[in-house]
Amino acid sequence: MTSFLSRFKLSIIVFLIVVSLLSFLQIKLDKPMILLERFIVGGGWIELVIVGLYASVVVYKMNDPKQVSKWRKFTWTLFSVVFFSQLILGIVGFEKFLMTADKLHLPVPAIILAGPVYRFEIGFMTVLFISTIILSGPAWCSHLCYFGALDNISLKGKPKKGRIKNRTAFKVTILVFIISGALIMKLLGSSTLTAAIAGGTFGIIGLLVIILLSRKKAKMIHCTVYCPIGTLVNYLKYINPFRMYIDNNCTECNLCTKYCTYDALNLEDILNKKPSITCTLCGDCVTSCHTGSIKYKFFNLDHKKSRNLYLVITVSLHALFLALARL
């Protein structure tokens, strides 16, 4: 009964957060941000209640450690499907599905970094990206990125043993390449079309990485090695106080390694009592740990409250993205 009441309380909290924030946007903005409002006057109120109820169910289910992995994959896949479906509908002529029909940008995560460097200005997506890191650390790479969900869907079987070779070198090289490439195109006066072609090519290569490498290794190679935004998340996430650690009850059975698709729980990480830098706090490892040794930390809160707080923030962000994320 106590467990039920605790989970139900979390559901109520998430419902109120999501409904309150969407209601604020519904009231304050002249141009409807909530999709159903664009088709039916007052429809936004119906949608925001539905999204709030959905979020309350998700946080209730994910509060059970054994269901985290299953529900994270479901919710992340759902978000990606909704995002790209709206984009396709908007491109073929249904402009109500787009947020800024006249200023579309490529749905490639690297553009979040390369775009501001090329334009010499900070855009909405950059602000949104940094905000998510401040609020939920690395959750962008495990719950919120429309492209990362494709990497997650592609995985087949259990991750291959052993850390990805030269992981850090590849990550940093690609990050530097993207920044310097965007800067060089800006200084050379390259056209917007040229920049768009470059961005599109990078995205296509990313899809090939997903299909040919991530799927083969059953690891998020696109997100942990190729994507420069993933690399930024790895380093910027430390501005957020959420952490994950392994307590002394760990038997070093390495079962969590078979669940960690982010290459963050290899033997050396387990012996070090914490996931490596590529950890996104996704929680899949919590599902696998039979001793309950993998725990969340948030300042001086106990590990259960820390995990609950992380779930509340992350699930709320996911629901808001589901309702609002459109190009």
C-alpha atoms as a PDB file:
ATOM      1  CA  MET A   1       0.000   0.000   0.000  1.00  0.00           C
ATOM      2  CA  THR A   2       2.837   2.389   0.871  1.00  0.00           C
ATOM      3  CA  SER A   3       4.462   1.740  -2.517  1.00  0.00           C
ATOM      4  CA  PHE A   4       1.191   2.388  -4.308  1.00  0.00           C
ATOM      5  CA  LEU A   5       0.593   5.644  -2.434  1.00  0.00           C
ATOM      6  CA  SER A   6       4.144   6.813  -3.131  1.00  0.00           C
ATOM      7  CA  ARG A   7       3.824   6.089  -6.851  1.00  0.00           C
ATOM      8  CA  PHE A   8       0.349   7.635  -6.985  1.00  0.00           C
ATOM      9  CA  LYS A   9       1.699  10.776  -5.311  1.00  0.00           C
ATOM     10  CA  LEU A  10       4.394  11.046  -7.978  1.00  0.00           C
ATOM     11  CA  SER A  11       1.725  10.675 -10.665  1.00  0.00           C
ATOM     12  CA  ILE A  12      -0.280  13.556  -9.182  1.00  0.00           C
ATOM     13  CA  ILE A  13       2.806  15.768  -8.954  1.00  0.00           C
ATOM     14  CA  VAL A  14       3.808  15.119 -12.581  1.00  0.00           C
ATOM     15  CA  PHE A  15       0.229  15.618 -13.782  1.00  0.00           C
ATOM     16  CA  LEU A  16       0.036  19.009 -12.044  1.00  0.00           C
ATOM     17  CA  ILE A  17       3.441  20.127 -13.357  1.00  0.00           C
ATOM     18  CA  VAL A  18       2.669  19.219 -16.965  1.00  0.00           C
ATOM     19  CA  VAL A  19      -0.881  20.589 -16.950  1.00  0.00           C
ATOM     20  CA  SER A  20       0.192  23.811 -15.205  1.00  0.00           C
ATOM     21  CA  LEU A  21       3.019  24.563 -17.632  1.00  0.00           C
ATOM     22  CA  LEU A  22       0.953  23.728 -20.723  1.00  0.00           C
ATOM     23  CA  SER A  23      -1.960  25.781 -19.353  1.00  0.00           C
ATOM     24  CA  PHE A  24       0.365  28.765 -18.952  1.00  0.00           C
ATOM     25  CA  LEU A  25       1.385  28.490 -22.610  1.00  0.00           C
ATOM     26  CA  GLN A  26      -2.221  27.974 -23.669  1.00  0.00           C
ATOM     27  CA  ILE A  27      -3.260  31.190 -21.940  1.00  0.00           C
ATOM     28  CA  LYS A  28      -0.276  33.450 -22.561  1.00  0.00           C
ATOM     29  CA  LEU A  29       0.686  32.807 -26.181  1.00  0.00           C
ATOM     30  CA  ASP A  30      -1.258  34.317 -29.060  1.00  0.00           C
ATOM     31  CA  LYS A  31      -0.125  31.672 -31.534  1.00  0.00           C
ATOM     32  CA  PRO A  32      -1.273  28.226 -30.376  1.00  0.00           C
ATOM     33  CA  MET A  33       1.635  26.021 -29.315  1.00  0.00           C
ATOM     34  CA  ILE A  34      -0.484  23.001 -28.427  1.00  0.00           C
ATOM     35  CA  LEU A  35      -1.313  21.179 -31.640  1.00  0.00           C
ATOM     36  CA  LEU A  36      -5.003  20.409 -31.144  1.00  0.00           C
ATOM     37  CA  GLU A  37      -5.708  24.110 -30.515  1.00  0.00           C
ATOM     38  CA  ARG A  38      -4.655  24.787 -34.109  1.00  0.00           C
ATOM     39  CA  PHE A  39      -7.474  22.586 -35.384  1.00  0.00           C
ATOM     40  CA  ILE A  40     -10.214  23.035 -32.757  1.00  0.00           C
ATOM     41  CA  VAL A  41     -10.804  26.152 -30.670  1.00  0.00           C
ATOM     42  CA  GLY A  42     -10.369  25.048 -27.071  1.00  0.00           C
ATOM     43  CA  GLY A  43      -8.878  21.736 -28.184  1.00  0.00           C
ATOM     44  CA  GLY A  44      -5.607  22.634 -26.511  1.00  0.00           C
ATOM     45  CA  TRP A  45      -7.237  22.225 -23.104  1.00  0.00           C
ATOM     46  CA  ILE A  46      -8.289  18.693 -23.996  1.00  0.00           C
ATOM     47  CA  GLU A  47      -4.822  17.800 -25.273  1.00  0.00           C
ATOM     48  CA  LEU A  48      -2.968  19.171 -22.262  1.00  0.00           C
ATOM     49  CA  VAL A  49      -5.123  17.099 -19.900  1.00  0.00           C
ATOM     50  CA  ILE A  50      -4.482  13.983 -22.017  1.00  0.00           C
ATOM     51  CA  VAL A  51      -0.730  14.664 -22.027  1.00  0.00           C
ATOM     52  CA  GLY A  52      -0.819  15.225 -18.268  1.00  0.00           C
ATOM     53  CA  LEU A  53      -2.589  11.891 -17.726  1.00  0.00           C
ATOM     54  CA  TYR A  54      -0.110  10.163 -20.005  1.00  0.00           C
ATOM     55  CA  ALA A  55       2.812  11.602 -18.014  1.00  0.00           C
ATOM     56  CA  SER A  56       1.236  10.483 -14.737  1.00  0.00           C
ATOM     57  CA  VAL A  57       0.970   6.905 -16.035  1.00  0.00           C
ATOM     58  CA  VAL A  58       4.574   6.948 -17.283  1.00  0.00           C
ATOM     59  CA  VAL A  59       6.049   8.134 -13.979  1.00  0.00           C
ATOM     60  CA  TYR A  60       3.911   5.593 -12.106  1.00  0.00           C
ATOM     61  CA  LYS A  61       5.224   2.761 -14.264  1.00  0.00           C
ATOM     62  CA  MET A  62       8.854   3.939 -14.296  1.00  0.00           C
ATOM     63  CA  ASN A  63       8.923   4.228 -10.526  1.00  0.00           C
ATOM     64  CA  ASP A  64       9.077   0.429 -10.571  1.00  0.00           C
ATOM     65  CA  PRO A  65      12.786  -0.287 -11.258  1.00  0.00           C
ATOM     66  CA  LYS A  66      11.893  -3.460 -13.154  1.00  0.00           C
ATOM     67  CA  GLN A  67       9.870  -1.513 -15.717  1.00  0.00           C
ATOM     68  CA  VAL A  68      12.230   1.377 -16.410  1.00  0.00           C
ATOM     69  CA  SER A  69      13.958  -0.129 -19.445  1.00  0.00           C
ATOM     70  CA  LYS A  70      10.699  -1.157 -21.143  1.00  0.00           C
ATOM     71  CA  TRP A  71       8.913   2.134 -20.546  1.00  0.00           C
ATOM     72  CA  ARG A  72      11.875   4.309 -21.465  1.00  0.00           C
ATOM     73  CA  LYS A  73      12.121   2.607 -24.848  1.00  0.00           C
ATOM     74  CA  PHE A  74       8.377   2.967 -25.381  1.00  0.00           C
ATOM     75  CA  THR A  75       8.165   6.646 -24.438  1.00  0.00           C
ATOM     76  CA  TRP A  76      11.298   7.624 -26.363  1.00  0.00           C
ATOM     77  CA  THR A  77      10.107   5.782 -29.462  1.00  0.00           C
ATOM     78  CA  LEU A  78       6.684   7.400 -29.177  1.00  0.00           C
ATOM     79  CA  PHE A  79       8.233  10.859 -29.004  1.00  0.00           C
ATOM     80  CA  SER A  80      10.373  10.228 -32.090  1.00  0.00           C
ATOM     81  CA  VAL A  81       7.407   8.869 -34.069  1.00  0.00           C
ATOM     82  CA  VAL A  82       5.255  11.878 -33.132  1.00  0.00           C
ATOM     83  CA  PHE A  83       8.059  14.333 -33.907  1.00  0.00           C
ATOM     84  CA  PHE A  84       8.950  12.972 -37.340  1.00  0.00           C
ATOM     85  CA  SER A  85       5.298  12.323 -38.285  1.00  0.00           C
ATOM     86  CA  GLN A  86       4.461  15.963 -37.630  1.00  0.00           C
ATOM     87  CA  LEU A  87       7.527  17.053 -39.598  1.00  0.00           C
ATOM     88  CA  ILE A  88       6.569  14.921 -42.607  1.00  0.00           C
ATOM     89  CA  LEU A  89       2.961  16.122 -42.517  1.00  0.00           C
ATOM     90  CA  GLY A  90       4.158  19.713 -42.317  1.00  0.00           C
ATOM     91  CA  ILE A  91       6.585  19.348 -45.213  1.00  0.00           C
ATOM     92  CA  VAL A  92       3.973  17.807 -47.522  1.00  0.00           C
ATOM     93  CA  GLY A  93       1.653  20.752 -47.019  1.00  0.00           C
ATOM     94  CA  PHE A  94      -0.094  20.600 -43.644  1.00  0.00           C
ATOM     95  CA  GLU A  95       1.665  23.634 -42.171  1.00  0.00           C
ATOM     96  CA  LYS A  96      -0.332  23.568 -38.936  1.00  0.00           C
ATOM     97  CA  PHE A  97       1.897  20.676 -37.877  1.00  0.00           C
ATOM     98  CA  LEU A  98       4.963  22.946 -38.010  1.00  0.00           C
ATOM     99  CA  MET A  99       6.010  25.524 -35.452  1.00  0.00           C
ATOM    100  CA  THR A 100       7.997  27.756 -37.828  1.00  0.00           C
ATOM    101  CA  ALA A 101       7.177  26.757 -41.395  1.00  0.00           C
ATOM    102  CA  ASP A 102       9.291  29.543 -42.889  1.00  0.00           C
ATOM    103  CA  LYS A 103      12.394  28.803 -40.781  1.00  0.00           C
ATOM    104  CA  LEU A 104      12.746  25.045 -40.776  1.00  0.00           C
ATOM    105  CA  HIS A 105      16.074  23.603 -39.678  1.00  0.00           C
ATOM    106  CA  LEU A 106      17.410  20.128 -40.349  1.00  0.00           C
ATOM    107  CA  PRO A 107      16.364  17.602 -37.683  1.00  0.00           C
ATOM    108  CA  VAL A 108      19.990  16.631 -37.076  1.00  0.00           C
ATOM    109  CA  PRO A 109      21.224  17.140 -33.481  1.00  0.00           C
ATOM    110  CA  ALA A 110      24.612  18.464 -34.630  1.00  0.00           C
ATOM    111  CA  ILE A 111      22.817  21.533 -36.028  1.00  0.00           C
ATOM    112  CA  ILE A 112      22.039  22.578 -32.443  1.00  0.00           C
ATOM    113  CA  LEU A 113      25.782  23.199 -32.124  1.00  0.00           C
ATOM    114  CA  ALA A 114      26.830  23.990 -35.694  1.00  0.00           C
ATOM    115  CA  GLY A 115      23.923  26.368 -36.372  1.00  0.00           C
ATOM    116  CA  PRO A 116      24.821  28.994 -33.737  1.00  0.00           C
ATOM    117  CA  VAL A 117      28.509  28.812 -34.719  1.00  0.00           C
ATOM    118  CA  TYR A 118      27.624  29.333 -38.392  1.00  0.00           C
ATOM    119  CA  ARG A 119      25.112  32.130 -37.693  1.00  0.00           C
ATOM    120  CA  PHE A 120      27.018  33.742 -34.815  1.00  0.00           C
ATOM    121  CA  GLU A 121      23.818  33.793 -32.769  1.00  0.00           C
ATOM    122  CA  ILE A 122      22.118  31.632 -30.158  1.00  0.00           C
ATOM    123  CA  GLY A 123      18.838  30.085 -31.333  1.00  0.00           C
ATOM    124  CA  PHE A 124      15.827  28.619 -29.548  1.00  0.00           C
ATOM    125  CA  MET A 125      17.032  25.019 -29.845  1.00  0.00           C
ATOM    126  CA  THR A 126      20.351  25.869 -28.215  1.00  0.00           C
ATOM    127  CA  VAL A 127      18.592  27.512 -25.271  1.00  0.00           C
ATOM    128  CA  LEU A 128      16.219  24.566 -24.990  1.00  0.00           C
ATOM    129  CA  PHE A 129      19.113  22.097 -25.081  1.00  0.00           C
ATOM    130  CA  ILE A 130      21.080  23.865 -22.347  1.00  0.00           C
ATOM    131  CA  SER A 131      17.924  24.218 -20.236  1.00  0.00           C
ATOM    132  CA  THR A 132      17.346  20.463 -20.274  1.00  0.00           C
ATOM    133  CA  ILE A 133      20.914  19.851 -19.101  1.00  0.00           C
ATOM    134  CA  ILE A 134      20.453  22.295 -16.228  1.00  0.00           C
ATOM    135  CA  LEU A 135      17.196  20.602 -15.208  1.00  0.00           C
ATOM    136  CA  SER A 136      17.864  16.913 -15.816  1.00  0.00           C
ATOM    137  CA  GLY A 137      21.528  16.479 -16.660  1.00  0.00           C
ATOM    138  CA  PRO A 138      22.099  14.028 -19.518  1.00  0.00           C
ATOM    139  CA  ALA A 139      18.428  13.065 -20.010  1.00  0.00           C
ATOM    140  CA  TRP A 140      18.562  14.694 -23.451  1.00  0.00           C
ATOM    141  CA  CYS A 141      20.517  11.655 -24.669  1.00  0.00           C
ATOM    142  CA  SER A 142      18.200   9.031 -23.172  1.00  0.00           C
ATOM    143  CA  HIS A 143      14.698  10.530 -23.189  1.00  0.00           C
ATOM    144  CA  LEU A 144      14.438  13.754 -25.200  1.00  0.00           C
ATOM    145  CA  CYS A 145      16.444  13.656 -28.444  1.00  0.00           C
ATOM    146  CA  TYR A 146      14.290  12.885 -31.490  1.00  0.00           C
ATOM    147  CA  PHE A 147      17.284  11.446 -33.358  1.00  0.00           C
ATOM    148  CA  GLY A 148      18.733   9.428 -30.483  1.00  0.00           C
ATOM    149  CA  ALA A 149      15.542   7.387 -30.309  1.00  0.00           C
ATOM    150  CA  LEU A 150      16.426   5.982 -33.745  1.00  0.00           C
ATOM    151  CA  ASP A 151      19.736   4.766 -32.341  1.00  0.00           C
ATOM    152  CA  ASN A 152      17.874   3.139 -29.462  1.00  0.00           C
ATOM    153  CA  ILE A 153      15.329   1.447 -31.742  1.00  0.00           C
ATOM    154  CA  SER A 154      18.072  -0.025 -33.937  1.00  0.00           C
ATOM    155  CA  LEU A 155      19.732  -1.994 -31.143  1.00  0.00           C
ATOM    156  CA  LYS A 156      19.433  -5.758 -31.296  1.00  0.00           C
ATOM    157  CA  GLY A 157      20.465  -8.169 -28.560  1.00  0.00           C
ATOM    158  CA  LYS A 158      22.748  -7.420 -25.616  1.00  0.00           C
ATOM    159  CA  PRO A 159      25.688  -4.980 -25.851  1.00  0.00           C
ATOM    160  CA  LYS A 160      29.047  -6.451 -26.841  1.00  0.00           C
ATOM    161  CA  LYS A 161      31.559  -6.750 -23.988  1.00  0.00           C
ATOM    162  CA  GLY A 162      34.372  -4.260 -23.632  1.00  0.00           C
ATOM    163  CA  ARG A 163      34.631  -0.509 -23.964  1.00  0.00           C
ATOM    164  CA  ILE A 164      34.437   0.999 -27.435  1.00  0.00           C
ATOM    165  CA  LYS A 165      38.032   1.430 -28.623  1.00  0.00           C
ATOM    166  CA  ASN A 166      39.354   5.003 -28.931  1.00  0.00           C
ATOM    167  CA  ARG A 167      35.959   6.291 -27.806  1.00  0.00           C
ATOM    168  CA  THR A 168      37.193   9.574 -26.358  1.00  0.00           C
ATOM    169  CA  ALA A 169      39.486  10.314 -29.306  1.00  0.00           C
ATOM    170  CA  PHE A 170      36.659   9.823 -31.802  1.00  0.00           C
ATOM    171  CA  LYS A 171      34.220  11.897 -29.753  1.00  0.00           C
ATOM    172  CA  VAL A 172      36.519  14.875 -29.327  1.00  0.00           C
ATOM    173  CA  THR A 173      37.704  14.762 -32.945  1.00  0.00           C
ATOM    174  CA  ILE A 174      34.151  14.882 -34.304  1.00  0.00           C
ATOM    175  CA  LEU A 175      33.210  17.674 -31.889  1.00  0.00           C
ATOM    176  CA  VAL A 176      36.174  19.784 -33.013  1.00  0.00           C
ATOM    177  CA  PHE A 177      35.427  18.957 -36.663  1.00  0.00           C
ATOM    178  CA  ILE A 178      31.843  20.208 -36.391  1.00  0.00           C
ATOM    179  CA  ILE A 179      32.762  23.439 -34.613  1.00  0.00           C
ATOM    180  CA  SER A 180      35.693  24.247 -36.903  1.00  0.00           C
ATOM    181  CA  GLY A 181      33.732  23.247 -40.016  1.00  0.00           C
ATOM    182  CA  ALA A 182      30.839  25.562 -39.172  1.00  0.00           C
ATOM    183  CA  LEU A 183      33.242  28.382 -38.332  1.00  0.00           C
ATOM    184  CA  ILE A 184      35.193  27.966 -41.569  1.00  0.00           C
ATOM    185  CA  MET A 185      31.987  28.013 -43.648  1.00  0.00           C
ATOM    186  CA  LYS A 186      30.946  31.210 -41.882  1.00  0.00           C
ATOM    187  CA  LEU A 187      34.300  32.914 -42.453  1.00  0.00           C
ATOM    188  CA  LEU A 188      34.349  31.828 -46.114  1.00  0.00           C
ATOM    189  CA  GLY A 189      30.843  33.190 -46.620  1.00  0.00           C
ATOM    190  CA  SER A 190      29.356  29.828 -47.608  1.00  0.00           C
ATOM    191  CA  SER A 191      25.686  29.972 -48.557  1.00  0.00           C
ATOM    192  CA  THR A 192      22.882  28.680 -46.366  1.00  0.00           C
ATOM    193  CA  LEU A 193      22.277  25.962 -48.973  1.00  0.00           C
ATOM    194  CA  THR A 194      25.880  24.795 -48.702  1.00  0.00           C
ATOM    195  CA  ALA A 195      25.595  24.703 -44.908  1.00  0.00           C
ATOM    196  CA  ALA A 196      22.325  22.780 -45.163  1.00  0.00           C
ATOM    197  CA  ILE A 197      23.909  20.216 -47.524  1.00  0.00           C
ATOM    198  CA  ALA A 198      26.811  19.773 -45.106  1.00  0.00           C
ATOM    199  CA  GLY A 199      24.407  19.311 -42.198  1.00  0.00           C
ATOM    200  CA  GLY A 200      22.282  16.865 -44.163  1.00  0.00           C
ATOM    201  CA  THR A 201      25.330  14.841 -45.162  1.00  0.00           C
ATOM    202  CA  PHE A 202      26.428  14.626 -41.531  1.00  0.00           C
ATOM    203  CA  GLY A 203      22.935  13.415 -40.626  1.00  0.00           C
ATOM    204  CA  ILE A 204      22.926  10.753 -43.346  1.00  0.00           C
ATOM    205  CA  ILE A 205      26.307   9.473 -42.165  1.00  0.00           C
ATOM    206  CA  GLY A 206      24.822   9.367 -38.689  1.00  0.00           C
ATOM    207  CA  LEU A 207      22.010   7.128 -39.929  1.00  0.00           C
ATOM    208  CA  LEU A 208      24.601   4.816 -41.475  1.00  0.00           C
ATOM    209  CA  VAL A 209      26.441   4.690 -38.149  1.00  0.00           C
ATOM    210  CA  ILE A 210      23.160   3.663 -36.495  1.00  0.00           C
ATOM    211  CA  ILE A 211      22.402   0.977 -39.079  1.00  0.00           C
ATOM    212  CA  LEU A 212      25.896  -0.438 -39.521  1.00  0.00           C
ATOM    213  CA  LEU A 213      27.587   0.050 -36.137  1.00  0.00           C
ATOM    214  CA  SER A 214      25.068   0.634 -33.358  1.00  0.00           C
ATOM    215  CA  ARG A 215      22.959  -2.299 -34.449  1.00  0.00           C
ATOM    216  CA  LYS A 216      25.980  -4.602 -34.768  1.00  0.00           C
ATOM    217  CA  LYS A 217      27.447  -3.723 -31.373  1.00  0.00           C
ATOM    218  CA  ALA A 218      24.057  -3.281 -29.650  1.00  0.00           C
ATOM    219  CA  LYS A 219      25.439  -0.040 -28.240  1.00  0.00           C
ATOM    220  CA  MET A 220      24.444   3.583 -28.818  1.00  0.00           C
ATOM    221  CA  ILE A 221      27.509   4.279 -30.936  1.00  0.00           C
ATOM    222  CA  HIS A 222      25.882   7.166 -32.762  1.00  0.00           C
ATOM    223  CA  CYS A 223      24.978   8.890 -29.496  1.00  0.00           C
ATOM    224  CA  THR A 224      28.105   8.063 -27.489  1.00  0.00           C
ATOM    225  CA  VAL A 225      30.769   8.461 -30.195  1.00  0.00           C
ATOM    226  CA  TYR A 226      29.507  10.143 -33.379  1.00  0.00           C
ATOM    227  CA  CYS A 227      27.047  12.810 -32.201  1.00  0.00           C
ATOM    228  CA  PRO A 228      28.761  16.043 -31.077  1.00  0.00           C
ATOM    229  CA  ILE A 229      25.701  16.941 -29.002  1.00  0.00           C
ATOM    230  CA  GLY A 230      26.107  13.662 -27.141  1.00  0.00           C
ATOM    231  CA  THR A 231      29.719  14.616 -26.446  1.00  0.00           C
ATOM    232  CA  LEU A 232      28.650  18.035 -25.149  1.00  0.00           C
ATOM    233  CA  VAL A 233      26.113  16.358 -22.891  1.00  0.00           C
ATOM    234  CA  ASN A 234      28.817  14.058 -21.500  1.00  0.00           C
ATOM    235  CA  TYR A 235      30.827  17.066 -20.294  1.00  0.00           C
ATOM    236  CA  LEU A 236      28.141  19.672 -19.584  1.00  0.00           C
ATOM    237  CA  LYS A 237      25.957  17.302 -17.543  1.00  0.00           C
ATOM    238  CA  TYR A 238      28.109  17.947 -14.482  1.00  0.00           C
ATOM    239  CA  ILE A 239      26.505  21.370 -14.049  1.00  0.00           C
ATOM    240  CA  ASN A 240      23.492  19.336 -12.934  1.00  0.00           C
ATOM    241  CA  PRO A 241      23.675  17.753  -9.434  1.00  0.00           C
ATOM    242  CA  PHE A 242      22.159  14.364 -10.305  1.00  0.00           C
ATOM    243  CA  ARG A 243      24.639  11.506 -10.130  1.00  0.00           C
ATOM    244  CA  MET A 244      24.598   7.707 -10.210  1.00  0.00           C
ATOM    245  CA  TYR A 245      26.787   5.454  -8.092  1.00  0.00           C
ATOM    246  CA  ILE A 246      27.284   1.796  -7.161  1.00  0.00           C
ATOM    247  CA  ASP A 247      27.197   0.910  -3.468  1.00  0.00           C
ATOM    248  CA  ASN A 248      29.216  -1.697  -1.589  1.00  0.00           C
ATOM    249  CA  ASN A 249      26.512  -4.357  -1.924  1.00  0.00           C
ATOM    250  CA  CYS A 250      27.557  -4.838  -5.554  1.00  0.00           C
ATOM    251  CA  THR A 251      28.614  -8.428  -6.241  1.00  0.00           C
ATOM    252  CA  GLU A 252      30.383  -7.474  -9.485  1.00  0.00           C
ATOM    253  CA  CYS A 253      28.209  -9.910 -11.410  1.00  0.00           C
ATOM    254  CA  ASN A 254      28.410  -7.573 -14.445  1.00  0.00           C
ATOM    255  CA  LEU A 255      24.756  -8.138 -15.321  1.00  0.00           C
ATOM    256  CA  CYS A 256      24.278  -4.373 -15.594  1.00  0.00           C
ATOM    257  CA  THR A 257      26.861  -4.339 -18.395  1.00  0.00           C
ATOM    258  CA  LYS A 258      24.430  -6.326 -20.540  1.00  0.00           C
ATOM    259  CA  TYR A 259      21.788  -3.623 -20.057  1.00  0.00           C
ATOM    260  CA  CYS A 260      23.958  -0.534 -20.512  1.00  0.00           C
ATOM    261  CA  THR A 261      23.817   0.484 -24.155  1.00  0.00           C
ATOM    262  CA  TYR A 262      25.772   3.693 -23.470  1.00  0.00           C
ATOM    263  CA  ASP A 263      29.101   1.893 -22.877  1.00  0.00           C
ATOM    264  CA  ALA A 264      29.165   3.288 -19.322  1.00  0.00           C
ATOM    265  CA  LEU A 265      29.229   0.123 -17.194  1.00  0.00           C
ATOM    266  CA  ASN A 266      32.202  -1.946 -18.239  1.00  0.00           C
ATOM    267  CA  LEU A 267      34.178  -3.893 -15.633  1.00  0.00           C
ATOM    268  CA  GLU A 268      36.511  -0.993 -14.828  1.00  0.00           C
ATOM    269  CA  ASP A 269      33.495   1.259 -14.201  1.00  0.00           C
ATOM    270  CA  ILE A 270      31.896  -1.272 -11.868  1.00  0.00           C
ATOM    271  CA  LEU A 271      35.131  -1.620  -9.915  1.00  0.00           C
ATOM    272  CA  ASN A 272      35.308   2.184  -9.781  1.00  0.00           C
ATOM    273  CA  LYS A 273      31.819   2.217  -8.218  1.00  0.00           C
ATOM    274  CA  LYS A 274      30.299   4.594 -10.759  1.00  0.00           C
ATOM    275  CA  PRO A 275      29.342   4.648 -14.459  1.00  0.00           C
ATOM    276  CA  SER A 276      31.744   6.297 -16.880  1.00  0.00           C
ATOM    277  CA  ILE A 277      31.308   9.665 -18.550  1.00  0.00           C
ATOM    278  CA  THR A 278      28.936   8.366 -21.252  1.00  0.00           C
ATOM    279  CA  CYS A 279      26.252   7.515 -18.661  1.00  0.00           C
ATOM    280  CA  THR A 280      22.953   9.278 -19.381  1.00  0.00           C
ATOM    281  CA  LEU A 281      21.179   8.271 -16.128  1.00  0.00           C
ATOM    282  CA  CYS A 282      18.705   6.353 -18.294  1.00  0.00           C
ATOM    283  CA  GLY A 283      18.116   3.835 -15.496  1.00  0.00           C
ATOM    284  CA  ASP A 284      18.177   0.675 -17.609  1.00  0.00           C
ATOM    285  CA  CYS A 285      20.895  -0.679 -15.338  1.00  0.00           C
ATOM    286  CA  VAL A 286      18.603  -0.234 -12.323  1.00  0.00           C
ATOM    287  CA  THR A 287      16.259  -2.702 -13.992  1.00  0.00           C
ATOM    288  CA  SER A 288      19.026  -5.300 -14.145  1.00  0.00           C
ATOM    289  CA  CYS A 289      20.613  -4.991 -10.700  1.00  0.00           C
ATOM    290  CA  HIS A 290      19.393  -7.833  -8.457  1.00  0.00           C
ATOM    291  CA  THR A 291      21.091  -6.348  -5.374  1.00  0.00           C
ATOM    292  CA  GLY A 292      19.731  -2.828  -5.904  1.00  0.00           C
ATOM    293  CA  SER A 293      23.275  -1.477  -5.787  1.00  0.00           C
ATOM    294  CA  ILE A 294      22.971   1.094  -8.591  1.00  0.00           C
ATOM    295  CA  LYS A 295      21.489   4.252  -7.147  1.00  0.00           C
ATOM    296  CA  TYR A 296      20.743   7.892  -7.931  1.00  0.00           C
ATOM    297  CA  LYS A 297      22.164  10.729  -5.885  1.00  0.00           C
ATOM    298  CA  PHE A 298      21.026  14.337  -5.537  1.00  0.00           C
ATOM    299  CA  PHE A 299      22.949  16.294  -2.905  1.00  0.00           C
ATOM    300  CA  ASN A 300      22.014  14.882   0.523  1.00  0.00           C
ATOM    301  CA  LEU A 301      18.712  13.270  -0.435  1.00  0.00           C
ATOM    302  CA  ASP A 302      18.489   9.530   0.076  1.00  0.00           C
ATOM    303  CA  HIS A 303      18.706   7.453  -3.082  1.00  0.00           C
ATOM    304  CA  LYS A 304      14.948   6.758  -3.327  1.00  0.00           C
ATOM    305  CA  LYS A 305      14.001  10.445  -3.112  1.00  0.00           C
ATOM    306  CA  SER A 306      16.802  11.305  -5.519  1.00  0.00           C
ATOM    307  CA  ARG A 307      15.490   8.829  -8.075  1.00  0.00           C
ATOM    308  CA  ASN A 308      11.909  10.019  -7.609  1.00  0.00           C
ATOM    309  CA  LEU A 309      12.967  13.627  -8.154  1.00  0.00           C
ATOM    310  CA  TYR A 310      14.857  12.659 -11.293  1.00  0.00           C
ATOM    311  CA  LEU A 311      11.823  10.787 -12.623  1.00  0.00           C
ATOM    312  CA  VAL A 312       9.492  13.709 -11.902  1.00  0.00           C
ATOM    313  CA  ILE A 313      11.717  16.178 -13.767  1.00  0.00           C
ATOM    314  CA  THR A 314      12.595  13.906 -16.673  1.00  0.00           C
ATOM    315  CA  VAL A 315       9.101  12.510 -17.298  1.00  0.00           C
ATOM    316  CA  SER A 316       7.651  16.031 -17.083  1.00  0.00           C
ATOM    317  CA  LEU A 317      10.173  17.239 -19.673  1.00  0.00           C
ATOM    318  CA  HIS A 318       9.390  14.261 -21.899  1.00  0.00           C
ATOM    319  CA  ALA A 319       5.654  15.030 -21.763  1.00  0.00           C
ATOM    320  CA  LEU A 320       6.257  18.703 -22.551  1.00  0.00           C
ATOM    321  CA  PHE A 321       8.474  17.765 -25.482  1.00  0.00           C
ATOM    322  CA  LEU A 322       5.815  15.355 -26.715  1.00  0.00           C
ATOM    323  CA  ALA A 323       3.225  18.138 -26.665  1.00  0.00           C
ATOM    324  CA  LEU A 324       5.345  20.967 -28.024  1.00  0.00           C
ATOM    325  CA  ALA A 325       8.402  19.696 -29.935  1.00  0.00           C
ATOM    326  CA  ARG A 326       7.853  20.586 -33.584  1.00  0.00           C
ATOM    327  CA  LEU A 327      10.022  22.228 -36.236  1.00  0.00           C
END
